[in-house]
Amino acid sequence: MIRKLTENDRDACFQLVKKKPAENLFIIGDLEAFGFEQDFQEIWGDFTEDGGLRAVLLRYNINFIPYAEGPFDAQGFAEIINHHPEAKQLSGLEEITESIVPYLSKPVKQNRLCYYAKCENGAKLPTDLDLTPVRKATIRDVDRLVALQSQIPEFATFPRNPGSMKRCMEKGIARSFFIEEDGQIVSSASTTAENSYAAMVVAVCTLQEYKRKGYATRCLTRLAQEVLQEGKVLCLFYDNPEAGKIYKRLGYVDIGKWAVRALQ
């Protein structure tokens, strides 16, 4: 049985999604921030015959994110998406979204897949690095971080908004660490979408002329130390398997693939 969840279902919902905080980073973060009763956010639950919650489907604006522990009513979730006027995107772990896609009446006009990885402890973090050059960013550093990222070719299609970055830092849902040389920030690693259980690693970058000095690894290591000490899981997306090798040396393991499907 599928029904819309309310604040009365908070405990059952969080009991389900917090078992895998990295996999459910977006669902947890949105529920912590906005709850169950917003015009722009809704969440449905799929229940077993004995009343146990086995799957959820979150809508945030135009995007729908499903999660399930095992078998679930994929056709029922698809029907919600099919009939919802705001539905323009389906995203989530590939094996879960793949169960829903065959039942969609809205054509999929674009499909993007990327690797999804998580780090749950610091066992593989290097212990022989000099981390003294790594500094934690404050609000005053945001404009310089954006200046660095604007020089990174692979970030060209996803420009960072300094105002948004400052708001996220102020709310405690984002942080950055960086290395400075020659009067400018030359390497950094950041988080975003942090919640009580997990944090998304983003914007790992180094200026071309400062590469091969281990700067990004130092920033990532210092970032991971702080986040893991708070009891949170780190997670990240990556497209390039070569980049994935760097993350795996630091203790990241693949969860699977994250699919983003644009719907007509």
Protein backbone atom coordinates (compact mmCIF):
# COMPACT_ATOMS: atom_id res chain seq x y z
CA MET A 1 0.00 0.00 0.00
CA ILE A 2 1.25 3.47 -0.90
CA ARG A 3 0.18 6.64 0.89
CA LYS A 4 1.55 10.11 1.48
CA LEU A 5 3.60 10.40 4.68
CA THR A 6 3.03 13.06 7.32
CA GLU A 7 4.88 14.29 10.38
CA ASN A 8 3.34 11.35 12.25
CA ASP A 9 5.46 9.03 10.10
CA ARG A 10 8.77 10.78 10.88
CA ASP A 11 10.19 8.08 13.14
CA ALA A 12 9.35 5.20 10.78
CA CYS A 13 10.69 7.12 7.80
CA PHE A 14 14.00 8.00 9.44
CA GLN A 15 14.39 4.46 10.77
CA LEU A 16 14.31 3.31 7.14
CA VAL A 17 16.53 5.90 5.47
CA LYS A 18 19.19 6.41 8.16
CA LYS A 19 20.29 2.77 7.83
CA LYS A 20 22.13 3.92 4.68
CA PRO A 21 22.88 7.61 5.21
CA ALA A 22 25.11 8.04 2.17
CA GLU A 23 22.57 6.48 -0.17
CA ASN A 24 19.86 8.68 1.33
CA LEU A 25 21.80 11.91 1.78
CA PHE A 26 19.34 14.01 -0.23
CA ILE A 27 16.21 12.49 1.28
CA ILE A 28 17.51 12.92 4.84
CA GLY A 29 18.75 16.44 4.22
CA ASP A 30 15.50 17.61 2.65
CA LEU A 31 13.37 16.08 5.40
CA GLU A 32 15.54 17.58 8.14
CA ALA A 33 15.40 20.99 6.48
CA PHE A 34 11.77 21.14 5.35
CA GLY A 35 9.78 18.34 6.98
CA PHE A 36 6.75 16.59 5.52
CA GLU A 37 4.30 19.37 4.77
CA GLN A 38 5.57 21.85 2.18
CA ASP A 39 4.13 22.88 -1.17
CA PHE A 40 7.45 22.10 -2.87
CA GLN A 41 8.16 18.86 -1.02
CA GLU A 42 6.17 15.66 -0.56
CA ILE A 43 7.03 12.12 0.41
CA TRP A 44 5.14 8.88 -0.12
CA GLY A 45 5.66 5.55 1.61
CA ASP A 46 5.16 1.99 0.38
CA PHE A 47 4.05 -0.33 3.19
CA THR A 48 4.09 -4.10 3.51
CA GLU A 49 0.92 -6.02 4.37
CA ASP A 50 1.87 -5.99 8.05
CA GLY A 51 2.35 -2.22 8.04
CA GLY A 52 6.11 -1.99 7.76
CA LEU A 53 7.59 0.86 5.71
CA ARG A 54 9.71 -0.65 2.93
CA ALA A 55 10.21 2.20 0.45
CA VAL A 56 9.83 5.96 0.09
CA LEU A 57 9.49 8.40 -2.80
CA LEU A 58 10.47 12.03 -2.16
CA ARG A 59 9.52 14.96 -4.36
CA TYR A 60 11.57 18.13 -4.07
CA ASN A 61 10.26 20.64 -6.61
CA ILE A 62 10.50 18.84 -9.99
CA ASN A 63 12.78 16.02 -8.83
CA PHE A 64 11.64 12.62 -7.52
CA ILE A 65 14.01 10.39 -5.50
CA PRO A 66 13.01 6.82 -4.55
CA TYR A 67 14.63 4.53 -2.00
CA ALA A 68 13.81 0.94 -1.10
CA GLU A 69 15.45 -1.76 1.02
CA GLY A 70 14.28 -4.53 -1.28
CA PRO A 71 11.24 -5.31 -3.45
CA PHE A 72 8.71 -2.48 -3.58
CA ASP A 73 5.73 -1.26 -5.59
CA ALA A 74 7.67 0.30 -8.47
CA GLN A 75 4.56 0.60 -10.61
CA GLY A 76 2.78 2.46 -7.84
CA PHE A 77 5.63 4.96 -7.53
CA ALA A 78 5.64 5.38 -11.31
CA GLU A 79 1.94 6.21 -11.28
CA ILE A 80 2.56 9.01 -8.78
CA ILE A 81 5.24 10.44 -11.06
CA ASN A 82 3.09 9.98 -14.18
CA HIS A 83 0.21 11.98 -12.75
CA HIS A 84 2.15 14.68 -10.93
CA PRO A 85 2.23 18.01 -12.82
CA GLU A 86 5.63 18.97 -11.37
CA ALA A 87 7.46 15.78 -12.36
CA LYS A 88 10.40 16.63 -14.62
CA GLN A 89 13.20 14.48 -13.19
CA LEU A 90 13.78 11.09 -11.59
CA SER A 91 17.06 10.50 -9.76
CA GLY A 92 18.50 7.93 -7.40
CA LEU A 93 20.46 4.71 -7.22
CA GLU A 94 20.36 3.07 -10.61
CA GLU A 95 18.99 -0.29 -9.46
CA ILE A 96 16.05 1.42 -7.76
CA THR A 97 15.21 3.92 -10.49
CA GLU A 98 15.52 1.15 -13.11
CA SER A 99 12.62 -0.63 -11.45
CA ILE A 100 10.39 2.42 -11.95
CA VAL A 101 11.38 3.46 -15.49
CA PRO A 102 9.45 0.70 -17.36
CA TYR A 103 6.19 1.98 -15.86
CA LEU A 104 6.73 5.66 -16.68
CA SER A 105 4.40 7.19 -19.26
CA LYS A 106 6.55 10.33 -19.45
CA PRO A 107 9.37 9.75 -21.97
CA VAL A 108 12.92 9.91 -20.66
CA LYS A 109 14.64 12.57 -22.75
CA GLN A 110 18.03 12.46 -21.02
CA ASN A 111 19.84 9.97 -18.84
CA ARG A 112 23.06 10.66 -16.92
CA LEU A 113 24.91 8.06 -14.90
CA CYS A 114 27.84 8.61 -12.56
CA TYR A 115 29.64 6.54 -9.97
CA TYR A 116 28.58 6.98 -6.36
CA ALA A 117 31.00 6.24 -3.51
CA LYS A 118 31.12 6.58 0.27
CA CYS A 119 33.71 6.66 3.05
CA GLU A 120 32.61 5.53 6.50
CA ASN A 121 35.90 5.69 8.42
CA GLY A 122 39.40 7.10 8.22
CA ALA A 123 41.29 3.81 8.21
CA LYS A 124 42.87 4.52 4.81
CA LEU A 125 43.53 8.21 5.25
CA PRO A 126 47.25 8.95 4.89
CA THR A 127 49.06 9.66 8.15
CA ASP A 128 52.32 10.95 6.69
CA LEU A 129 51.04 14.13 5.01
CA ASP A 130 51.93 17.61 6.18
CA LEU A 131 48.50 19.17 6.63
CA THR A 132 49.72 22.44 8.14
CA PRO A 133 49.23 24.35 4.83
CA VAL A 134 45.56 23.33 4.74
CA ARG A 135 43.18 25.96 6.09
CA LYS A 136 39.47 25.81 6.81
CA ALA A 137 37.52 28.38 4.82
CA THR A 138 35.35 31.07 6.35
CA ILE A 139 32.67 33.23 4.76
CA ARG A 140 35.39 35.72 3.84
CA ASP A 141 37.10 33.09 1.65
CA VAL A 142 34.07 32.23 -0.51
CA ASP A 143 34.77 34.71 -3.30
CA ARG A 144 38.31 33.39 -3.64
CA LEU A 145 37.07 29.79 -3.69
CA VAL A 146 34.68 30.69 -6.50
CA ALA A 147 37.57 32.38 -8.33
CA LEU A 148 39.53 29.12 -8.14
CA GLN A 149 36.62 26.99 -9.31
CA SER A 150 35.88 29.32 -12.22
CA GLN A 151 39.31 28.44 -13.62
CA ILE A 152 38.64 24.68 -13.59
CA PRO A 153 37.43 23.54 -17.06
CA GLU A 154 35.30 20.64 -15.81
CA PHE A 155 33.31 23.02 -13.59
CA ALA A 156 32.41 25.31 -16.49
CA THR A 157 28.88 23.90 -16.89
CA PHE A 158 28.21 24.04 -13.12
CA PRO A 159 29.28 27.53 -11.98
CA ARG A 160 29.22 28.04 -8.21
CA ASN A 161 27.09 30.80 -6.74
CA PRO A 162 28.93 32.72 -4.01
CA GLY A 163 25.70 33.80 -2.34
CA SER A 164 24.48 30.22 -2.14
CA MET A 165 27.84 29.00 -0.82
CA LYS A 166 27.80 31.63 1.93
CA ARG A 167 24.26 30.71 2.97
CA CYS A 168 25.16 27.02 3.13
CA MET A 169 28.24 27.75 5.26
CA GLU A 170 26.17 29.90 7.60
CA LYS A 171 23.59 27.11 7.96
CA GLY A 172 26.33 24.56 8.70
CA ILE A 173 25.49 22.38 5.72
CA ALA A 174 28.70 23.10 3.81
CA ARG A 175 32.40 23.58 4.54
CA SER A 176 35.65 23.93 2.59
CA PHE A 177 39.36 23.40 3.11
CA PHE A 178 42.00 24.97 0.90
CA ILE A 179 45.69 25.57 0.23
CA GLU A 180 46.96 29.02 -0.66
CA GLU A 181 50.12 29.88 -2.58
CA ASP A 182 51.37 33.03 -4.24
CA GLY A 183 48.50 35.03 -2.78
CA GLN A 184 45.71 32.89 -4.23
CA ILE A 185 43.78 29.72 -3.39
CA VAL A 186 45.23 26.99 -5.61
CA SER A 187 43.50 23.82 -4.34
CA SER A 188 40.36 23.02 -2.38
CA ALA A 189 37.84 20.38 -1.34
CA SER A 190 34.35 21.10 -0.04
CA THR A 191 31.14 19.55 1.23
CA THR A 192 27.55 20.45 0.54
CA ALA A 193 24.11 19.07 1.46
CA GLU A 194 25.34 18.04 4.91
CA ASN A 195 22.83 16.53 7.30
CA SER A 196 23.00 14.77 10.67
CA TYR A 197 24.34 11.58 9.14
CA ALA A 198 26.26 12.35 5.93
CA ALA A 199 28.00 14.96 3.79
CA MET A 200 28.49 15.24 0.03
CA VAL A 201 32.05 15.98 -1.13
CA VAL A 202 32.18 18.45 -4.03
CA ALA A 203 34.49 20.88 -5.84
CA VAL A 204 37.73 18.94 -5.41
CA CYS A 205 40.13 20.88 -7.60
CA THR A 206 43.64 22.24 -8.14
CA LEU A 207 44.92 24.85 -10.57
CA GLN A 208 46.78 23.23 -13.47
CA GLU A 209 50.17 24.73 -12.61
CA TYR A 210 49.96 23.44 -9.01
CA LYS A 211 48.98 19.86 -9.78
CA ARG A 212 51.05 16.78 -8.89
CA LYS A 213 51.98 18.23 -5.52
CA GLY A 214 49.38 16.29 -3.55
CA TYR A 215 47.43 19.40 -2.67
CA ALA A 216 43.97 17.98 -3.42
CA THR A 217 44.77 14.85 -1.39
CA ARG A 218 45.77 17.04 1.57
CA CYS A 219 42.57 19.06 1.35
CA LEU A 220 40.47 15.90 1.05
CA THR A 221 42.27 14.30 3.99
CA ARG A 222 41.77 17.28 6.28
CA LEU A 223 38.13 17.54 5.22
CA ALA A 224 37.54 13.83 5.84
CA GLN A 225 39.19 13.95 9.27
CA GLU A 226 36.80 16.63 10.49
CA VAL A 227 33.61 15.22 8.97
CA LEU A 228 34.29 11.63 10.08
CA GLN A 229 35.10 12.79 13.61
CA GLU A 230 31.57 14.18 13.75
CA GLY A 231 30.19 10.70 13.05
CA LYS A 232 29.07 11.47 9.51
CA VAL A 233 29.58 9.42 6.37
CA LEU A 234 31.25 11.07 3.36
CA CYS A 235 29.91 10.46 -0.12
CA LEU A 236 30.65 11.73 -3.60
CA PHE A 237 29.91 11.40 -7.29
CA TYR A 238 32.60 10.88 -9.91
CA ASP A 239 32.51 10.34 -13.67
CA ASN A 240 36.11 9.40 -14.39
CA PRO A 241 37.34 5.98 -13.17
CA GLU A 242 40.85 7.45 -12.93
CA ALA A 243 39.57 10.00 -10.43
CA GLY A 244 37.86 7.15 -8.64
CA LYS A 245 41.23 5.51 -7.98
CA ILE A 246 42.32 8.55 -5.97
CA TYR A 247 39.21 8.43 -3.83
CA LYS A 248 39.51 4.70 -3.25
CA ARG A 249 43.05 5.15 -1.95
CA LEU A 250 41.51 7.39 0.72
CA GLY A 251 38.96 4.77 1.77
CA TYR A 252 35.99 5.41 -0.51
CA VAL A 253 34.08 2.38 -1.77
CA ASP A 254 31.58 2.32 -4.60
CA ILE A 255 27.92 2.19 -3.60
CA GLY A 256 26.75 1.84 -7.17
CA LYS A 257 25.71 4.31 -9.83
CA TRP A 258 23.51 7.36 -9.47
CA ALA A 259 21.05 7.95 -12.29
CA VAL A 260 19.49 11.27 -13.24
CA ARG A 261 16.71 11.06 -15.81
CA ALA A 262 15.08 14.12 -17.33
CA LEU A 263 11.42 13.53 -18.14
CA GLN A 264 9.32 15.18 -20.84
